[in-house]
PDB file of N, CA and C in Angstrom:
ATOM      1  N   MET A   1       2.445  25.660 -39.982  1.00  0.00           N
ATOM      2  CA  MET A   1       2.890  24.292 -39.915  1.00  0.00           C
ATOM      3  C   MET A   1       4.149  24.151 -39.037  1.00  0.00           C
ATOM      4  N   VAL A   2       5.027  25.133 -39.104  1.00  0.00           N
ATOM      5  CA  VAL A   2       6.244  25.117 -38.292  1.00  0.00           C
ATOM      6  C   VAL A   2       5.881  25.220 -36.810  1.00  0.00           C
ATOM      7  N   GLU A   3       4.905  26.045 -36.495  1.00  0.00           N
ATOM      8  CA  GLU A   3       4.479  26.182 -35.090  1.00  0.00           C
ATOM      9  C   GLU A   3       3.935  24.865 -34.557  1.00  0.00           C
ATOM     10  N   LEU A   4       3.222  24.147 -35.369  1.00  0.00           N
ATOM     11  CA  LEU A   4       2.672  22.859 -34.968  1.00  0.00           C
ATOM     12  C   LEU A   4       3.811  21.866 -34.711  1.00  0.00           C
ATOM     13  N   ALA A   5       4.805  21.839 -35.567  1.00  0.00           N
ATOM     14  CA  ALA A   5       5.949  20.944 -35.392  1.00  0.00           C
ATOM     15  C   ALA A   5       6.713  21.289 -34.123  1.00  0.00           C
ATOM     16  N   VAL A   6       6.899  22.571 -33.839  1.00  0.00           N
ATOM     17  CA  VAL A   6       7.592  23.000 -32.621  1.00  0.00           C
ATOM     18  C   VAL A   6       6.783  22.606 -31.385  1.00  0.00           C
ATOM     19  N   ALA A   7       5.483  22.764 -31.445  1.00  0.00           N
ATOM     20  CA  ALA A   7       4.623  22.392 -30.319  1.00  0.00           C
ATOM     21  C   ALA A   7       4.698  20.886 -30.059  1.00  0.00           C
ATOM     22  N   ILE A   8       4.739  20.087 -31.106  1.00  0.00           N
ATOM     23  CA  ILE A   8       4.832  18.626 -30.939  1.00  0.00           C
ATOM     24  C   ILE A   8       6.181  18.255 -30.325  1.00  0.00           C
ATOM     25  N   VAL A   9       7.257  18.897 -30.766  1.00  0.00           N
ATOM     26  CA  VAL A   9       8.587  18.617 -30.208  1.00  0.00           C
ATOM     27  C   VAL A   9       8.633  19.004 -28.733  1.00  0.00           C
ATOM     28  N   VAL A  10       8.115  20.168 -28.391  1.00  0.00           N
ATOM     29  CA  VAL A  10       8.106  20.616 -26.994  1.00  0.00           C
ATOM     30  C   VAL A  10       7.269  19.662 -26.141  1.00  0.00           C
ATOM     31  N   LEU A  11       6.109  19.266 -26.629  1.00  0.00           N
ATOM     32  CA  LEU A  11       5.266  18.321 -25.901  1.00  0.00           C
ATOM     33  C   LEU A  11       5.972  16.980 -25.726  1.00  0.00           C
ATOM     34  N   GLY A  12       6.675  16.535 -26.749  1.00  0.00           N
ATOM     35  CA  GLY A  12       7.443  15.290 -26.654  1.00  0.00           C
ATOM     36  C   GLY A  12       8.519  15.364 -25.595  1.00  0.00           C
ATOM     37  N   ILE A  13       9.217  16.498 -25.524  1.00  0.00           N
ATOM     38  CA  ILE A  13      10.269  16.670 -24.518  1.00  0.00           C
ATOM     39  C   ILE A  13       9.670  16.653 -23.111  1.00  0.00           C
ATOM     40  N   VAL A  14       8.541  17.289 -22.936  1.00  0.00           N
ATOM     41  CA  VAL A  14       7.869  17.304 -21.620  1.00  0.00           C
ATOM     42  C   VAL A  14       7.433  15.898 -21.236  1.00  0.00           C
ATOM     43  N   LEU A  15       6.856  15.159 -22.165  1.00  0.00           N
ATOM     44  CA  LEU A  15       6.401  13.794 -21.870  1.00  0.00           C
ATOM     45  C   LEU A  15       7.562  12.865 -21.553  1.00  0.00           C
ATOM     46  N   VAL A  16       8.680  13.011 -22.257  1.00  0.00           N
ATOM     47  CA  VAL A  16       9.860  12.195 -21.955  1.00  0.00           C
ATOM     48  C   VAL A  16      10.366  12.513 -20.551  1.00  0.00           C
ATOM     49  N   GLY A  17      10.274  13.750 -20.128  1.00  0.00           N
ATOM     50  CA  GLY A  17      10.678  14.129 -18.777  1.00  0.00           C
ATOM     51  C   GLY A  17       9.767  13.545 -17.711  1.00  0.00           C
ATOM     52  N   LEU A  18       8.494  13.356 -18.032  1.00  0.00           N
ATOM     53  CA  LEU A  18       7.542  12.806 -17.069  1.00  0.00           C
ATOM     54  C   LEU A  18       7.544  11.275 -17.034  1.00  0.00           C
ATOM     55  N   PHE A  19       8.111  10.635 -18.031  1.00  0.00           N
ATOM     56  CA  PHE A  19       8.084   9.172 -18.110  1.00  0.00           C
ATOM     57  C   PHE A  19       8.695   8.493 -16.876  1.00  0.00           C
ATOM     58  N   PRO A  20       9.875   8.909 -16.379  1.00  0.00           N
ATOM     59  CA  PRO A  20      10.413   8.282 -15.164  1.00  0.00           C
ATOM     60  C   PRO A  20       9.488   8.429 -13.952  1.00  0.00           C
ATOM     61  N   LEU A  21       8.792   9.543 -13.867  1.00  0.00           N
ATOM     62  CA  LEU A  21       7.860   9.752 -12.765  1.00  0.00           C
ATOM     63  C   LEU A  21       6.714   8.738 -12.818  1.00  0.00           C
ATOM     64  N   VAL A  22       6.213   8.478 -13.998  1.00  0.00           N
ATOM     65  CA  VAL A  22       5.134   7.499 -14.164  1.00  0.00           C
ATOM     66  C   VAL A  22       5.629   6.096 -13.803  1.00  0.00           C
ATOM     67  N   ILE A  23       6.816   5.752 -14.251  1.00  0.00           N
ATOM     68  CA  ILE A  23       7.390   4.433 -13.948  1.00  0.00           C
ATOM     69  C   ILE A  23       7.590   4.275 -12.443  1.00  0.00           C
ATOM     70  N   ASP A  24       8.133   5.290 -11.782  1.00  0.00           N
ATOM     71  CA  ASP A  24       8.325   5.224 -10.332  1.00  0.00           C
ATOM     72  C   ASP A  24       6.992   5.109  -9.598  1.00  0.00           C
ATOM     73  N   SER A  25       5.971   5.791 -10.076  1.00  0.00           N
ATOM     74  CA  SER A  25       4.649   5.719  -9.457  1.00  0.00           C
ATOM     75  C   SER A  25       4.071   4.314  -9.572  1.00  0.00           C
ATOM     76  N   LEU A  26       4.233   3.696 -10.712  1.00  0.00           N
ATOM     77  CA  LEU A  26       3.743   2.327 -10.892  1.00  0.00           C
ATOM     78  C   LEU A  26       4.502   1.343 -10.004  1.00  0.00           C
ATOM     79  N   ARG A  27       5.808   1.516  -9.918  1.00  0.00           N
ATOM     80  CA  ARG A  27       6.623   0.644  -9.068  1.00  0.00           C
ATOM     81  C   ARG A  27       6.219   0.796  -7.599  1.00  0.00           C
ATOM     82  N   LEU A  28       5.977   2.021  -7.161  1.00  0.00           N
ATOM     83  CA  LEU A  28       5.556   2.271  -5.785  1.00  0.00           C
ATOM     84  C   LEU A  28       4.174   1.678  -5.505  1.00  0.00           C
ATOM     85  N   ALA A  29       3.284   1.744  -6.470  1.00  0.00           N
ATOM     86  CA  ALA A  29       1.949   1.152  -6.305  1.00  0.00           C
ATOM     87  C   ALA A  29       2.040  -0.354  -6.125  1.00  0.00           C
ATOM     88  N   VAL A  30       2.910  -1.017  -6.880  1.00  0.00           N
ATOM     89  CA  VAL A  30       3.092  -2.467  -6.739  1.00  0.00           C
ATOM     90  C   VAL A  30       3.678  -2.790  -5.365  1.00  0.00           C
ATOM     91  N   GLN A  31       4.662  -2.007  -4.934  1.00  0.00           N
ATOM     92  CA  GLN A  31       5.271  -2.232  -3.630  1.00  0.00           C
ATOM     93  C   GLN A  31       4.257  -2.030  -2.502  1.00  0.00           C
ATOM     94  N   ASN A  32       3.431  -1.002  -2.593  1.00  0.00           N
ATOM     95  CA  ASN A  32       2.401  -0.764  -1.576  1.00  0.00           C
ATOM     96  C   ASN A  32       1.379  -1.891  -1.533  1.00  0.00           C
ATOM     97  N   ALA A  33       1.040  -2.444  -2.689  1.00  0.00           N
ATOM     98  CA  ALA A  33       0.103  -3.570  -2.725  1.00  0.00           C
ATOM     99  C   ALA A  33       0.707  -4.791  -2.036  1.00  0.00           C
ATOM    100  N   GLU A  34       2.001  -5.037  -2.244  1.00  0.00           N
ATOM    101  CA  GLU A  34       2.659  -6.161  -1.571  1.00  0.00           C
ATOM    102  C   GLU A  34       2.694  -5.969  -0.057  1.00  0.00           C
ATOM    103  N   VAL A  35       2.995  -4.774   0.386  1.00  0.00           N
ATOM    104  CA  VAL A  35       3.038  -4.498   1.827  1.00  0.00           C
ATOM    105  C   VAL A  35       1.641  -4.654   2.437  1.00  0.00           C
ATOM    106  N   ALA A  36       0.625  -4.186   1.744  1.00  0.00           N
ATOM    107  CA  ALA A  36      -0.748  -4.331   2.246  1.00  0.00           C
ATOM    108  C   ALA A  36      -1.132  -5.807   2.342  1.00  0.00           C
ATOM    109  N   GLN A  37      -0.742  -6.598   1.339  1.00  0.00           N
ATOM    110  CA  GLN A  37      -1.030  -8.026   1.368  1.00  0.00           C
ATOM    111  C   GLN A  37      -0.279  -8.704   2.522  1.00  0.00           C
ATOM    112  N   ALA A  38       0.972  -8.323   2.739  1.00  0.00           N
ATOM    113  CA  ALA A  38       1.743  -8.883   3.851  1.00  0.00           C
ATOM    114  C   ALA A  38       1.136  -8.483   5.196  1.00  0.00           C
ATOM    115  N   ASN A  39       0.640  -7.265   5.316  1.00  0.00           N
ATOM    116  CA  ASN A  39      -0.023  -6.829   6.554  1.00  0.00           C
ATOM    117  C   ASN A  39      -1.298  -7.619   6.814  1.00  0.00           C
ATOM    118  N   ARG A  40      -2.033  -7.944   5.749  1.00  0.00           N
ATOM    119  CA  ARG A  40      -3.224  -8.787   5.923  1.00  0.00           C
ATOM    120  C   ARG A  40      -2.845 -10.182   6.413  1.00  0.00           C
ATOM    121  N   ILE A  41      -1.744 -10.719   5.896  1.00  0.00           N
ATOM    122  CA  ILE A  41      -1.276 -12.034   6.356  1.00  0.00           C
ATOM    123  C   ILE A  41      -0.914 -11.967   7.833  1.00  0.00           C
ATOM    124  N   VAL A  42      -0.188 -10.928   8.236  1.00  0.00           N
ATOM    125  CA  VAL A  42       0.203 -10.777   9.637  1.00  0.00           C
ATOM    126  C   VAL A  42      -1.026 -10.689  10.533  1.00  0.00           C
ATOM    127  N   ALA A  43      -2.001  -9.876  10.153  1.00  0.00           N
ATOM    128  CA  ALA A  43      -3.213  -9.721  10.968  1.00  0.00           C
ATOM    129  C   ALA A  43      -3.968 -11.039  11.084  1.00  0.00           C
ATOM    130  N   THR A  44      -4.081 -11.759   9.979  1.00  0.00           N
ATOM    131  CA  THR A  44      -4.780 -13.055   9.993  1.00  0.00           C
ATOM    132  C   THR A  44      -4.053 -14.052  10.885  1.00  0.00           C
ATOM    133  N   GLN A  45      -2.729 -14.094  10.783  1.00  0.00           N
ATOM    134  CA  GLN A  45      -1.965 -15.040  11.589  1.00  0.00           C
ATOM    135  C   GLN A  45      -1.982 -14.669  13.079  1.00  0.00           C
ATOM    136  N   LEU A  46      -2.002 -13.389  13.397  1.00  0.00           N
ATOM    137  CA  LEU A  46      -2.135 -12.993  14.806  1.00  0.00           C
ATOM    138  C   LEU A  46      -3.483 -13.415  15.366  1.00  0.00           C
ATOM    139  N   ASP A  47      -4.547 -13.239  14.585  1.00  0.00           N
ATOM    140  CA  ASP A  47      -5.876 -13.679  15.024  1.00  0.00           C
ATOM    141  C   ASP A  47      -5.916 -15.193  15.220  1.00  0.00           C
ATOM    142  N   THR A  48      -5.318 -15.924  14.288  1.00  0.00           N
ATOM    143  CA  THR A  48      -5.266 -17.388  14.402  1.00  0.00           C
ATOM    144  C   THR A  48      -4.493 -17.804  15.646  1.00  0.00           C
ATOM    145  N   SER A  49      -3.389 -17.126  15.916  1.00  0.00           N
ATOM    146  CA  SER A  49      -2.589 -17.442  17.103  1.00  0.00           C
ATOM    147  C   SER A  49      -3.359 -17.142  18.386  1.00  0.00           C
ATOM    148  N   ARG A  50      -4.070 -16.021  18.400  1.00  0.00           N
ATOM    149  CA  ARG A  50      -4.883 -15.688  19.581  1.00  0.00           C
ATOM    150  C   ARG A  50      -5.946 -16.756  19.830  1.00  0.00           C
ATOM    151  N   ASP A  51      -6.609 -17.191  18.753  1.00  0.00           N
ATOM    152  CA  ASP A  51      -7.629 -18.230  18.889  1.00  0.00           C
ATOM    153  C   ASP A  51      -7.018 -19.543  19.369  1.00  0.00           C
ATOM    154  N   SER A  52      -5.850 -19.898  18.828  1.00  0.00           N
ATOM    155  CA  SER A  52      -5.191 -21.144  19.225  1.00  0.00           C
ATOM    156  C   SER A  52      -4.763 -21.096  20.678  1.00  0.00           C
ATOM    157  N   LEU A  53      -4.211 -19.956  21.107  1.00  0.00           N
ATOM    158  CA  LEU A  53      -3.751 -19.837  22.490  1.00  0.00           C
ATOM    159  C   LEU A  53      -4.908 -19.778  23.477  1.00  0.00           C
ATOM    160  N   ALA A  54      -6.055 -19.331  23.024  1.00  0.00           N
ATOM    161  CA  ALA A  54      -7.215 -19.300  23.915  1.00  0.00           C
ATOM    162  C   ALA A  54      -7.756 -20.700  24.173  1.00  0.00           C
ATOM    163  N   ALA A  55      -7.410 -21.651  23.294  1.00  0.00           N
ATOM    164  CA  ALA A  55      -7.958 -23.001  23.413  1.00  0.00           C
ATOM    165  C   ALA A  55      -6.930 -24.054  23.785  1.00  0.00           C
ATOM    166  N   ALA A  56      -5.639 -23.728  23.762  1.00  0.00           N
ATOM    167  CA  ALA A  56      -4.619 -24.752  23.997  1.00  0.00           C
ATOM    168  C   ALA A  56      -3.468 -24.170  24.815  1.00  0.00           C
ATOM    169  N   PRO A  57      -2.684 -25.035  25.426  1.00  0.00           N
ATOM    170  CA  PRO A  57      -1.505 -24.554  26.149  1.00  0.00           C
ATOM    171  C   PRO A  57      -0.499 -23.915  25.196  1.00  0.00           C
ATOM    172  N   CYS A  58       0.317 -23.062  25.740  1.00  0.00           N
ATOM    173  CA  CYS A  58       1.292 -22.330  24.938  1.00  0.00           C
ATOM    174  C   CYS A  58       2.231 -23.281  24.193  1.00  0.00           C
ATOM    175  N   ALA A  59       2.687 -24.334  24.840  1.00  0.00           N
ATOM    176  CA  ALA A  59       3.628 -25.264  24.210  1.00  0.00           C
ATOM    177  C   ALA A  59       3.031 -25.930  22.977  1.00  0.00           C
ATOM    178  N   ALA A  60       1.732 -26.184  22.979  1.00  0.00           N
ATOM    179  CA  ALA A  60       1.095 -26.811  21.824  1.00  0.00           C
ATOM    180  C   ALA A  60       1.040 -25.859  20.636  1.00  0.00           C
ATOM    181  N   VAL A  61       0.834 -24.582  20.892  1.00  0.00           N
ATOM    182  CA  VAL A  61       0.748 -23.594  19.823  1.00  0.00           C
ATOM    183  C   VAL A  61       2.139 -23.308  19.248  1.00  0.00           C
ATOM    184  N   THR A  62       3.162 -23.395  20.082  1.00  0.00           N
ATOM    185  CA  THR A  62       4.531 -23.145  19.616  1.00  0.00           C
ATOM    186  C   THR A  62       4.899 -24.080  18.479  1.00  0.00           C
ATOM    187  N   ALA A  63       4.412 -25.304  18.523  1.00  0.00           N
ATOM    188  CA  ALA A  63       4.792 -26.303  17.526  1.00  0.00           C
ATOM    189  C   ALA A  63       3.978 -26.215  16.232  1.00  0.00           C
ATOM    190  N   GLN A  64       2.912 -25.454  16.196  1.00  0.00           N
ATOM    191  CA  GLN A  64       2.067 -25.391  15.005  1.00  0.00           C
ATOM    192  C   GLN A  64       2.755 -24.621  13.878  1.00  0.00           C
ATOM    193  N   ALA A  65       2.611 -25.124  12.657  1.00  0.00           N
ATOM    194  CA  ALA A  65       3.180 -24.444  11.483  1.00  0.00           C
ATOM    195  C   ALA A  65       2.171 -23.447  10.937  1.00  0.00           C
ATOM    196  N   ILE A  66       2.674 -22.459  10.229  1.00  0.00           N
ATOM    197  CA  ILE A  66       1.812 -21.456   9.592  1.00  0.00           C
ATOM    198  C   ILE A  66       1.469 -21.935   8.190  1.00  0.00           C
ATOM    199  N   SER A  67       0.192 -21.882   7.852  1.00  0.00           N
ATOM    200  CA  SER A  67      -0.210 -22.205   6.483  1.00  0.00           C
ATOM    201  C   SER A  67      -0.822 -20.958   5.861  1.00  0.00           C
ATOM    202  N   LEU A  68      -0.308 -20.600   4.701  1.00  0.00           N
ATOM    203  CA  LEU A  68      -0.793 -19.420   3.991  1.00  0.00           C
ATOM    204  C   LEU A  68      -1.799 -19.837   2.930  1.00  0.00           C
ATOM    205  N   PRO A  69      -2.758 -18.953   2.623  1.00  0.00           N
ATOM    206  CA  PRO A  69      -3.653 -19.242   1.499  1.00  0.00           C
ATOM    207  C   PRO A  69      -2.846 -19.365   0.211  1.00  0.00           C
ATOM    208  N   THR A  70      -3.353 -20.121  -0.749  1.00  0.00           N
ATOM    209  CA  THR A  70      -2.604 -20.365  -1.995  1.00  0.00           C
ATOM    210  C   THR A  70      -2.256 -19.082  -2.716  1.00  0.00           C
ATOM    211  N   SER A  71      -3.114 -18.091  -2.670  1.00  0.00           N
ATOM    212  CA  SER A  71      -2.824 -16.835  -3.368  1.00  0.00           C
ATOM    213  C   SER A  71      -1.622 -16.114  -2.761  1.00  0.00           C
ATOM    214  N   ASP A  72      -1.392 -16.298  -1.464  1.00  0.00           N
ATOM    215  CA  ASP A  72      -0.280 -15.635  -0.791  1.00  0.00           C
ATOM    216  C   ASP A  72       0.986 -16.487  -0.780  1.00  0.00           C
ATOM    217  N   SER A  73       0.831 -17.810  -0.799  1.00  0.00           N
ATOM    218  CA  SER A  73       1.986 -18.686  -0.644  1.00  0.00           C
ATOM    219  C   SER A  73       2.916 -18.662  -1.842  1.00  0.00           C
ATOM    220  N   SER A  74       2.461 -18.153  -2.975  1.00  0.00           N
ATOM    221  CA  SER A  74       3.344 -18.078  -4.137  1.00  0.00           C
ATOM    222  C   SER A  74       4.286 -16.878  -4.058  1.00  0.00           C
ATOM    223  N   LYS A  75       3.968 -15.879  -3.223  1.00  0.00           N
ATOM    224  CA  LYS A  75       4.794 -14.669  -3.117  1.00  0.00           C
ATOM    225  C   LYS A  75       5.487 -14.515  -1.776  1.00  0.00           C
ATOM    226  N   PHE A  76       4.876 -15.055  -0.717  1.00  0.00           N
ATOM    227  CA  PHE A  76       5.361 -14.786   0.629  1.00  0.00           C
ATOM    228  C   PHE A  76       5.602 -16.066   1.418  1.00  0.00           C
ATOM    229  N   SER A  77       6.472 -15.949   2.405  1.00  0.00           N
ATOM    230  CA  SER A  77       6.607 -16.985   3.422  1.00  0.00           C
ATOM    231  C   SER A  77       6.411 -16.293   4.765  1.00  0.00           C
ATOM    232  N   ALA A  78       5.897 -17.031   5.722  1.00  0.00           N
ATOM    233  CA  ALA A  78       5.635 -16.443   7.041  1.00  0.00           C
ATOM    234  C   ALA A  78       6.148 -17.386   8.116  1.00  0.00           C
ATOM    235  N   ASP A  79       6.630 -16.803   9.191  1.00  0.00           N
ATOM    236  CA  ASP A  79       6.986 -17.627  10.339  1.00  0.00           C
ATOM    237  C   ASP A  79       6.461 -16.983  11.612  1.00  0.00           C
ATOM    238  N   ARG A  80       6.202 -17.847  12.564  1.00  0.00           N
ATOM    239  CA  ARG A  80       5.628 -17.405  13.832  1.00  0.00           C
ATOM    240  C   ARG A  80       6.547 -17.876  14.956  1.00  0.00           C
ATOM    241  N   THR A  81       6.791 -16.981  15.896  1.00  0.00           N
ATOM    242  CA  THR A  81       7.548 -17.318  17.090  1.00  0.00           C
ATOM    243  C   THR A  81       6.628 -17.123  18.282  1.00  0.00           C
ATOM    244  N   VAL A  82       6.444 -18.186  19.048  1.00  0.00           N
ATOM    245  CA  VAL A  82       5.616 -18.109  20.253  1.00  0.00           C
ATOM    246  C   VAL A  82       6.529 -18.384  21.436  1.00  0.00           C
ATOM    247  N   THR A  83       6.608 -17.426  22.347  1.00  0.00           N
ATOM    248  CA  THR A  83       7.415 -17.570  23.548  1.00  0.00           C
ATOM    249  C   THR A  83       6.485 -17.602  24.745  1.00  0.00           C
ATOM    250  N   CYS A  84       6.585 -18.666  25.536  1.00  0.00           N
ATOM    251  CA  CYS A  84       5.755 -18.801  26.727  1.00  0.00           C
ATOM    252  C   CYS A  84       6.428 -18.016  27.859  1.00  0.00           C
ATOM    253  N   ASP A  85       5.898 -16.831  28.149  1.00  0.00           N
ATOM    254  CA  ASP A  85       6.508 -15.956  29.146  1.00  0.00           C
ATOM    255  C   ASP A  85       6.231 -16.424  30.573  1.00  0.00           C
ATOM    256  N   SER A  86       5.024 -16.909  30.805  1.00  0.00           N
ATOM    257  CA  SER A  86       4.655 -17.386  32.136  1.00  0.00           C
ATOM    258  C   SER A  86       3.597 -18.459  31.950  1.00  0.00           C
ATOM    259  N   ALA A  87       2.990 -18.853  33.037  1.00  0.00           N
ATOM    260  CA  ALA A  87       1.997 -19.918  32.963  1.00  0.00           C
ATOM    261  C   ALA A  87       0.799 -19.544  32.084  1.00  0.00           C
ATOM    262  N   ARG A  88       0.446 -18.285  32.030  1.00  0.00           N
ATOM    263  CA  ARG A  88      -0.739 -17.890  31.260  1.00  0.00           C
ATOM    264  C   ARG A  88      -0.485 -16.775  30.250  1.00  0.00           C
ATOM    265  N   LEU A  89       0.777 -16.458  29.984  1.00  0.00           N
ATOM    266  CA  LEU A  89       1.070 -15.360  29.075  1.00  0.00           C
ATOM    267  C   LEU A  89       2.083 -15.803  28.020  1.00  0.00           C
ATOM    268  N   ALA A  90       1.779 -15.451  26.767  1.00  0.00           N
ATOM    269  CA  ALA A  90       2.675 -15.803  25.654  1.00  0.00           C
ATOM    270  C   ALA A  90       2.913 -14.571  24.791  1.00  0.00           C
ATOM    271  N   THR A  91       4.101 -14.511  24.195  1.00  0.00           N
ATOM    272  CA  THR A  91       4.427 -13.457  23.241  1.00  0.00           C
ATOM    273  C   THR A  91       4.456 -14.090  21.848  1.00  0.00           C
ATOM    274  N   VAL A  92       3.675 -13.523  20.931  1.00  0.00           N
ATOM    275  CA  VAL A  92       3.586 -14.051  19.572  1.00  0.00           C
ATOM    276  C   VAL A  92       4.159 -13.019  18.613  1.00  0.00           C
ATOM    277  N   THR A  93       5.085 -13.458  17.756  1.00  0.00           N
ATOM    278  CA  THR A  93       5.659 -12.610  16.720  1.00  0.00           C
ATOM    279  C   THR A  93       5.436 -13.272  15.367  1.00  0.00           C
ATOM    280  N   ILE A  94       4.865 -12.532  14.442  1.00  0.00           N
ATOM    281  CA  ILE A  94       4.641 -13.001  13.079  1.00  0.00           C
ATOM    282  C   ILE A  94       5.535 -12.170  12.165  1.00  0.00           C
ATOM    283  N   ARG A  95       6.246 -12.844  11.251  1.00  0.00           N
ATOM    284  CA  ARG A  95       7.116 -12.158  10.298  1.00  0.00           C
ATOM    285  C   ARG A  95       6.824 -12.694   8.902  1.00  0.00           C
ATOM    286  N   VAL A  96       6.591 -11.788   7.951  1.00  0.00           N
ATOM    287  CA  VAL A  96       6.307 -12.161   6.566  1.00  0.00           C
ATOM    288  C   VAL A  96       7.443 -11.658   5.684  1.00  0.00           C
ATOM    289  N   GLN A  97       7.935 -12.558   4.825  1.00  0.00           N
ATOM    290  CA  GLN A  97       9.034 -12.226   3.918  1.00  0.00           C
ATOM    291  C   GLN A  97       8.644 -12.568   2.490  1.00  0.00           C
ATOM    292  N   ARG A  98       9.281 -11.910   1.533  1.00  0.00           N
ATOM    293  CA  ARG A  98       9.109 -12.277   0.127  1.00  0.00           C
ATOM    294  C   ARG A  98       9.850 -13.578  -0.125  1.00  0.00           C
ATOM    295  N   LEU A  99       9.285 -14.439  -0.959  1.00  0.00           N
ATOM    296  CA  LEU A  99       9.978 -15.671  -1.302  1.00  0.00           C
ATOM    297  C   LEU A  99      11.229 -15.390  -2.124  1.00  0.00           C
ATOM    298  N   ILE A 100      11.218 -14.310  -2.884  1.00  0.00           N
ATOM    299  CA  ILE A 100      12.367 -13.966  -3.721  1.00  0.00           C
ATOM    300  C   ILE A 100      13.557 -13.554  -2.856  1.00  0.00           C
ATOM    301  N   ASP A 101      13.303 -12.758  -1.827  1.00  0.00           N
ATOM    302  CA  ASP A 101      14.373 -12.251  -0.973  1.00  0.00           C
ATOM    303  C   ASP A 101      13.984 -12.483   0.482  1.00  0.00           C
ATOM    304  N   THR A 102      14.391 -13.623   1.031  1.00  0.00           N
ATOM    305  CA  THR A 102      13.980 -13.968   2.393  1.00  0.00           C
ATOM    306  C   THR A 102      14.766 -13.213   3.453  1.00  0.00           C
ATOM    307  N   THR A 103      15.729 -12.403   3.046  1.00  0.00           N
ATOM    308  CA  THR A 103      16.463 -11.610   4.034  1.00  0.00           C
ATOM    309  C   THR A 103      15.726 -10.314   4.364  1.00  0.00           C
ATOM    310  N   GLN A 104      14.750  -9.942   3.538  1.00  0.00           N
ATOM    311  CA  GLN A 104      14.013  -8.696   3.756  1.00  0.00           C
ATOM    312  C   GLN A 104      12.616  -9.002   4.289  1.00  0.00           C
ATOM    313  N   THR A 105      12.342  -8.506   5.484  1.00  0.00           N
ATOM    314  CA  THR A 105      11.027  -8.679   6.077  1.00  0.00           C
ATOM    315  C   THR A 105      10.090  -7.608   5.529  1.00  0.00           C
ATOM    316  N   VAL A 106       8.929  -8.039   5.024  1.00  0.00           N
ATOM    317  CA  VAL A 106       7.957  -7.100   4.465  1.00  0.00           C
ATOM    318  C   VAL A 106       7.056  -6.555   5.560  1.00  0.00           C
ATOM    319  N   ALA A 107       6.626  -7.423   6.476  1.00  0.00           N
ATOM    320  CA  ALA A 107       5.747  -6.995   7.570  1.00  0.00           C
ATOM    321  C   ALA A 107       6.028  -7.859   8.794  1.00  0.00           C
ATOM    322  N   THR A 108       5.901  -7.262   9.958  1.00  0.00           N
ATOM    323  CA  THR A 108       6.088  -8.000  11.196  1.00  0.00           C
ATOM    324  C   THR A 108       5.213  -7.374  12.287  1.00  0.00           C
ATOM    325  N   ALA A 109       4.817  -8.199  13.245  1.00  0.00           N
ATOM    326  CA  ALA A 109       4.026  -7.705  14.377  1.00  0.00           C
ATOM    327  C   ALA A 109       4.253  -8.624  15.571  1.00  0.00           C
ATOM    328  N   THR A 110       4.164  -8.044  16.744  1.00  0.00           N
ATOM    329  CA  THR A 110       4.316  -8.797  17.991  1.00  0.00           C
ATOM    330  C   THR A 110       3.179  -8.422  18.926  1.00  0.00           C
ATOM    331  N   THR A 111       2.644  -9.419  19.609  1.00  0.00           N
ATOM    332  CA  THR A 111       1.587  -9.170  20.585  1.00  0.00           C
ATOM    333  C   THR A 111       1.741 -10.137  21.745  1.00  0.00           C
ATOM    334  N   ARG A 112       1.143  -9.801  22.852  1.00  0.00           N
ATOM    335  CA  ARG A 112       1.129 -10.703  24.026  1.00  0.00           C
ATOM    336  C   ARG A 112      -0.287 -11.211  24.175  1.00  0.00           C
ATOM    337  N   VAL A 113      -0.392 -12.499  24.467  1.00  0.00           N
ATOM    338  CA  VAL A 113      -1.693 -13.176  24.522  1.00  0.00           C
ATOM    339  C   VAL A 113      -1.798 -13.941  25.839  1.00  0.00           C
ATOM    340  N   VAL A 114      -2.974 -13.844  26.443  1.00  0.00           N
ATOM    341  CA  VAL A 114      -3.268 -14.660  27.627  1.00  0.00           C
ATOM    342  C   VAL A 114      -3.740 -16.028  27.153  1.00  0.00           C
ATOM    343  N   THR A 115      -3.085 -17.089  27.647  1.00  0.00           N
ATOM    344  CA  THR A 115      -3.419 -18.443  27.211  1.00  0.00           C
ATOM    345  C   THR A 115      -4.513 -19.037  28.082  1.00  0.00           C
ATOM    346  N   ALA A 116      -5.122 -20.100  27.551  1.00  0.00           N
ATOM    347  CA  ALA A 116      -6.231 -20.725  28.260  1.00  0.00           C
ATOM    348  C   ALA A 116      -5.760 -21.665  29.346  1.00  0.00           C
ATOM    349  N   ALA A 117      -4.690 -22.380  29.064  1.00  0.00           N
ATOM    350  CA  ALA A 117      -4.217 -23.380  30.020  1.00  0.00           C
ATOM    351  C   ALA A 117      -2.769 -23.096  30.378  1.00  0.00           C
ATOM    352  N   SER A 118      -2.349 -23.631  31.497  1.00  0.00           N
ATOM    353  CA  SER A 118      -0.967 -23.408  31.910  1.00  0.00           C
ATOM    354  C   SER A 118      -0.030 -24.275  31.094  1.00  0.00           C
ATOM    355  N   THR A 119       1.213 -23.834  30.980  1.00  0.00           N
ATOM    356  CA  THR A 119       2.235 -24.586  30.253  1.00  0.00           C
ATOM    357  C   THR A 119       2.637 -25.796  31.078  1.00  0.00           C
ATOM    358  N   PRO A 120       2.712 -26.960  30.426  1.00  0.00           N
ATOM    359  CA  PRO A 120       3.069 -28.165  31.202  1.00  0.00           C
ATOM    360  C   PRO A 120       4.495 -28.136  31.700  1.00  0.00           C
TER     361      PRO A 120
END
């Protein structure tokens, strides 16, 4: 009976030592899920910007606001910067931030897009 009690105490000590590792793993999994969701938003917004620039002048796309799906808009905010580099070339930057901490960017991407029409 004493051996069983000692084994339970030793097992308890080992499990208490592993508890912080489990908590950190769960926290990291949540953080990775948020980053993956932010990356999906960035990819979707880059595709939308490419489609918009293929059909409209750069100046018209610069003024468009970003709309996020309802599932994403409760956690993230996104902004897009479109710079008209030349008559047919634009630089698009998408930045996604947490609504809780807007000073920290979760995901960002920049691409150059050939526009359909010249800038007025």
